[in-house]
Protein backbone atom coordinates (compact mmCIF):
# COMPACT_ATOMS: atom_id res chain seq x y z
CA MET A 1 -0.04 -27.69 44.54
CA GLY A 2 1.55 -26.60 41.36
CA PHE A 3 2.18 -23.47 40.55
CA ASP A 4 -0.65 -21.95 38.96
CA TRP A 5 0.43 -19.97 36.28
CA SER A 6 -3.11 -18.76 34.92
CA PHE A 7 -3.95 -17.05 38.31
CA PHE A 8 -0.50 -15.53 38.23
CA PHE A 9 -1.26 -14.09 34.94
CA ASP A 10 -4.36 -12.93 35.35
CA ARG A 11 -3.25 -11.15 38.49
CA LEU A 12 -0.42 -10.12 36.75
CA ILE A 13 -2.01 -7.93 34.02
CA ASN A 14 -5.37 -7.60 35.63
CA PRO A 15 -4.63 -6.70 39.48
CA GLY A 16 -7.68 -4.73 39.70
CA ASP A 17 -8.93 -2.05 41.57
CA VAL A 18 -8.68 -2.74 45.01
CA TYR A 19 -5.06 -4.21 44.84
CA LEU A 20 -4.46 -0.71 42.53
CA LEU A 21 -6.05 1.39 45.50
CA ALA A 22 -3.14 -0.14 48.17
CA LEU A 23 -0.35 0.28 45.50
CA GLY A 24 -1.28 4.14 45.22
CA ARG A 25 -2.00 3.67 49.13
CA THR A 26 1.98 2.77 49.53
CA ILE A 27 3.27 5.14 47.00
CA ALA A 28 1.09 7.74 49.04
CA MET A 29 2.36 6.33 52.64
CA ALA A 30 6.52 6.28 51.55
CA VAL A 31 6.27 9.85 49.40
CA LEU A 32 4.27 11.44 52.99
CA ALA A 33 6.33 10.06 55.80
CA MET A 34 9.53 10.56 53.28
CA ALA A 35 8.43 14.62 52.91
CA LEU A 36 7.53 15.10 56.62
CA GLY A 37 11.02 12.83 57.53
CA LEU A 38 13.18 15.25 55.60
CA LEU A 39 11.40 18.48 57.52
CA ILE A 40 12.31 16.77 60.72
CA GLY A 41 15.93 16.10 59.37
CA ILE A 42 16.64 19.30 58.01
CA VAL A 43 15.51 20.75 61.82
CA VAL A 44 17.16 18.35 63.78
CA GLY A 45 19.92 18.51 61.50
CA PHE A 46 20.21 22.10 61.92
CA GLY A 47 19.81 21.87 66.08
CA ARG A 48 22.42 19.12 66.23
CA LEU A 49 24.68 22.01 64.88
CA SER A 50 23.46 25.20 67.07
CA ARG A 51 25.56 27.04 69.35
CA TYR A 52 23.04 26.28 72.13
CA LYS A 53 24.07 23.63 73.60
CA PRO A 54 20.62 22.61 75.60
CA ILE A 55 19.17 22.07 71.51
CA ALA A 56 21.84 20.52 70.47
CA TRP A 57 21.62 17.77 73.41
CA LEU A 58 17.89 17.55 72.94
CA CYS A 59 18.33 16.86 69.20
CA ALA A 60 21.13 14.55 69.47
CA PHE A 61 18.88 12.86 71.94
CA TYR A 62 16.06 12.49 68.98
CA VAL A 63 18.24 10.55 67.03
CA TRP A 64 19.86 8.26 69.57
CA LEU A 65 16.34 7.40 70.89
CA VAL A 66 14.64 6.95 67.57
CA ARG A 67 17.85 5.08 65.62
CA GLY A 68 17.31 2.41 68.72
CA ILE A 69 13.80 1.68 68.42
CA PRO A 70 12.61 -0.91 65.67
CA VAL A 71 10.66 0.94 63.31
CA LEU A 72 7.53 -1.80 64.10
CA VAL A 73 7.58 -0.81 67.60
CA LEU A 74 7.24 3.07 66.70
CA LEU A 75 4.00 1.75 64.19
CA VAL A 76 2.60 0.07 66.93
CA PHE A 77 3.40 2.59 69.64
CA PHE A 78 1.55 5.32 67.99
CA PHE A 79 -1.23 3.70 66.62
CA SER A 80 -2.13 1.16 69.55
CA GLY A 81 -0.21 2.75 72.40
CA LEU A 82 -0.73 6.15 73.15
CA ALA A 83 -4.36 5.04 72.61
CA ALA A 84 -4.25 2.88 75.54
CA ALA A 85 -2.30 5.06 77.53
CA GLY A 86 -5.19 7.67 76.84
CA PHE A 87 -2.92 9.96 75.65
CA PHE A 88 -3.86 10.21 71.70
CA ARG A 89 -6.15 8.18 70.06
CA PHE A 90 -6.18 8.61 66.18
CA SER A 91 -9.81 8.68 63.93
CA ASP A 92 -10.49 8.65 60.47
CA ILE A 93 -10.76 12.32 58.81
CA THR A 94 -11.84 13.71 55.70
CA ILE A 95 -9.99 16.10 53.37
CA LEU A 96 -11.34 17.25 49.71
CA GLY A 97 -13.79 14.13 50.07
CA PHE A 98 -11.02 11.86 50.41
CA THR A 99 -11.12 10.10 53.94
CA ILE A 100 -7.72 9.25 55.50
CA GLY A 101 -8.18 6.13 57.80
CA ALA A 102 -6.60 6.16 61.22
CA SER A 103 -3.89 3.47 60.63
CA PHE A 104 -2.40 5.13 57.58
CA GLN A 105 -2.19 8.38 59.67
CA ALA A 106 -0.13 6.74 62.57
CA ALA A 107 2.08 4.44 59.92
CA VAL A 108 3.06 8.34 58.11
CA ILE A 109 3.58 9.74 61.45
CA ALA A 110 5.58 6.87 63.12
CA LEU A 111 7.71 6.14 59.73
CA ALA A 112 8.46 9.96 59.70
CA ILE A 113 9.89 10.61 62.84
CA HIS A 114 12.08 7.12 62.35
CA GLU A 115 13.19 8.74 59.00
CA GLY A 116 13.56 12.21 60.60
CA ALA A 117 16.01 10.80 62.83
CA TYR A 118 18.19 9.37 59.77
CA MET A 119 17.80 12.27 57.68
CA ALA A 120 18.76 14.22 60.72
CA GLU A 121 22.10 12.76 60.48
CA ILE A 122 22.31 12.87 56.58
CA VAL A 123 21.49 17.12 56.39
CA ARG A 124 24.21 17.43 59.60
CA ASN A 125 26.73 15.75 57.76
CA GLY A 126 26.12 17.87 54.53
CA ILE A 127 26.34 21.11 56.07
CA GLN A 128 29.50 20.24 57.86
CA ALA A 129 30.75 19.51 54.06
CA VAL A 130 31.17 22.67 53.52
CA ALA A 131 34.23 24.73 53.75
CA ARG A 132 34.36 26.55 56.75
CA GLY A 133 35.61 29.91 55.39
CA GLN A 134 32.92 30.24 52.21
CA ILE A 135 30.47 30.70 55.33
CA GLU A 136 33.05 33.10 57.13
CA ALA A 137 33.86 34.69 53.70
CA ALA A 138 29.80 35.42 53.20
CA LYS A 139 29.23 36.65 56.33
CA SER A 140 32.54 39.39 56.24
CA LEU A 141 30.70 40.43 52.81
CA GLY A 142 27.26 41.90 55.34
CA MET A 143 25.50 38.60 54.66
CA GLY A 144 23.01 37.23 57.35
CA ALA A 145 22.33 33.89 58.75
CA TRP A 146 19.94 33.01 56.73
CA MET A 147 21.56 34.24 53.34
CA VAL A 148 24.25 32.12 54.03
CA THR A 149 22.50 29.26 54.82
CA ARG A 150 20.05 29.87 51.15
CA ARG A 151 23.06 30.66 49.07
CA ILE A 152 25.99 29.25 50.74
CA VAL A 153 25.13 26.54 52.41
CA LEU A 154 22.37 24.52 51.12
CA PRO A 155 23.42 25.03 47.82
CA GLN A 156 26.70 22.73 48.44
CA ALA A 157 25.42 20.58 51.47
CA SER A 158 22.15 19.78 48.68
CA ARG A 159 25.28 17.18 46.38
CA VAL A 160 25.72 15.58 49.68
CA ILE A 161 22.31 15.33 51.05
CA ILE A 162 20.79 14.18 47.61
CA PRO A 163 22.20 10.69 47.06
CA PRO A 164 21.10 9.31 50.46
CA LEU A 165 18.03 11.02 50.91
CA GLY A 166 17.19 8.77 47.11
CA ASN A 167 18.57 5.83 48.98
CA ASP A 168 16.66 6.38 51.77
CA PHE A 169 13.19 6.97 49.95
CA ASN A 170 13.83 3.42 48.02
CA HIS A 171 14.09 1.78 51.72
CA MET A 172 10.81 3.32 52.36
CA LEU A 173 9.14 2.45 49.85
CA LYS A 174 9.71 -1.20 51.37
CA THR A 175 9.89 -0.29 54.77
CA THR A 176 5.88 0.42 54.81
CA SER A 177 5.41 -3.27 54.27
CA LEU A 178 5.39 -2.55 57.90
CA ALA A 179 2.39 -0.79 58.31
CA SER A 180 0.43 -3.96 58.06
CA VAL A 181 0.72 -4.60 60.91
CA ILE A 182 -1.59 -1.83 62.62
CA GLY A 183 -4.04 -2.35 59.50
CA VAL A 184 -2.95 0.00 56.98
CA GLN A 185 -4.47 -1.69 53.75
CA GLU A 186 -1.47 -0.82 51.67
CA ILE A 187 -0.49 -4.30 49.04
CA PHE A 188 1.61 -6.37 51.32
CA LEU A 189 -2.02 -6.54 53.79
CA LEU A 190 -4.12 -7.32 50.84
CA THR A 191 -1.78 -9.89 49.42
CA GLU A 192 -2.24 -11.53 52.96
CA SER A 193 -5.87 -10.75 52.43
CA MET A 194 -6.41 -12.38 48.92
CA SER A 195 -4.09 -15.33 49.64
CA ALA A 196 -5.78 -15.95 52.99
CA ALA A 197 -9.35 -16.19 50.50
CA THR A 198 -7.26 -18.12 47.83
CA PHE A 199 -4.61 -20.26 48.91
CA LYS A 200 -2.42 -19.09 46.04
CA THR A 201 0.49 -17.72 49.11
CA PHE A 202 3.36 -18.44 46.58
CA GLU A 203 1.97 -16.57 43.61
CA LEU A 204 0.52 -13.99 45.20
CA LEU A 205 3.96 -13.04 47.13
CA ILE A 206 5.74 -13.28 44.05
CA LEU A 207 3.38 -11.08 42.42
CA VAL A 208 3.78 -8.50 45.44
CA SER A 209 7.74 -8.80 45.41
CA ILE A 210 7.85 -7.85 41.73
CA ASN A 211 5.72 -4.67 42.30
CA TYR A 212 7.89 -3.81 45.00
CA LEU A 213 10.72 -4.47 42.67
CA LEU A 214 9.36 -1.93 39.80
CA LEU A 215 8.68 0.63 42.88
CA THR A 216 12.35 0.71 43.51
CA THR A 217 13.68 0.51 39.89
CA ILE A 218 11.96 3.28 39.11
CA TRP A 219 12.74 5.08 41.79
CA ASN A 220 16.43 4.23 41.32
CA ILE A 221 16.39 5.28 37.86
CA VAL A 222 14.79 8.73 38.63
CA GLN A 223 17.18 8.87 41.23
CA GLY A 224 20.05 8.21 38.87
CA ILE A 225 19.11 11.06 37.05
CA ILE A 226 19.26 13.50 39.36
CA GLU A 227 22.47 12.57 40.56
CA THR A 228 23.97 12.78 37.33
CA LYS A 229 22.46 15.94 35.95
CA LEU A 230 23.77 17.51 39.59
CA ARG A 231 27.25 15.90 39.15
CA ALA A 232 27.00 17.27 35.17
CA HIS A 233 26.49 20.71 36.46
CA GLU A 234 28.75 20.70 39.69
CA LEU A 235 31.78 18.86 37.17
CA ASP A 236 30.49 20.54 34.18
CA THR A 237 30.65 17.21 32.00
CA PRO A 238 27.95 15.87 29.33
CA VAL A 239 25.11 14.12 30.86
CA ARG A 240 24.70 10.38 29.52
CA GLY A 241 22.39 8.92 27.20
CA TRP A 242 19.24 6.93 28.17
CA GLY A 243 20.68 3.75 27.02
CA GLN A 244 23.72 4.02 29.16
CA SER A 245 22.28 5.74 32.04
CA ILE A 246 19.90 2.86 32.99
CA SER A 247 22.49 0.51 33.41
CA TYR A 248 24.50 3.03 34.97
CA TYR A 249 21.86 4.00 37.47
CA LEU A 250 20.74 0.14 38.50
CA LEU A 251 23.97 -1.62 38.21
CA ALA A 252 26.72 0.79 38.72
CA ARG A 253 25.91 3.62 40.58
CA PRO A 254 28.13 4.80 43.53
CA GLY A 255 26.22 4.80 46.91
CA ALA A 256 23.73 2.86 45.64
CA GLU A 257 23.80 0.51 48.54
CA ASP A 258 20.97 0.59 51.17
CA ARG A 259 22.68 1.67 54.33
CA ARG A 260 20.03 -0.09 56.38
CA ALA A 261 19.84 -3.35 54.81
């Protein structure tokens, strides 16, 4: 059988409500997991720099443990493993009229915990990039720890943290496809279901690849705009025009490589 161009273009132009819902679920999963992972990363990142050794060791152990376990294993562990051991079983919940499936909840938590381990190192590196002398000078002026963190550390650390944070979200958009193994109806699992029903496997895989490519490309542009504005603010340089920016964001932006590719 040859490539069914009619089927391909029909699905490309009119994906259908079910597919759009799955696409929205994919984006929501990535955003929620990334937000929660960032919060975990901030807490653990600061914890790794704590003067209290037990806290620093505990945070270092978390980073070591989670970074050594595949995402797929974490997904199955949280959704099936905890229930099998009798510790906890996820169940559907309804918030403001929206039903959040058990598998979706487990996926967000597993992805967030995995992301938190990587974000912790990014946050730690960002904090360590701030000159110690500036922190000591702020303290000598009477600033408390929270004021030093808010006004001295975070503004400067953010310039180090944001580029890899953006790359991590790019990676997260693609990693959501692994949630299909625990039954989250995102675009990859829906593609598999449609393939089994229509036998248009190749056409559907091309379509889902295009969707992932569109998501990551749009995010690359957004990320590039954010980075360029930060760089322009720091160096007092003019921001590129849209034409120059798009090619720069997609092809030549420093640090755009995925560290976990």
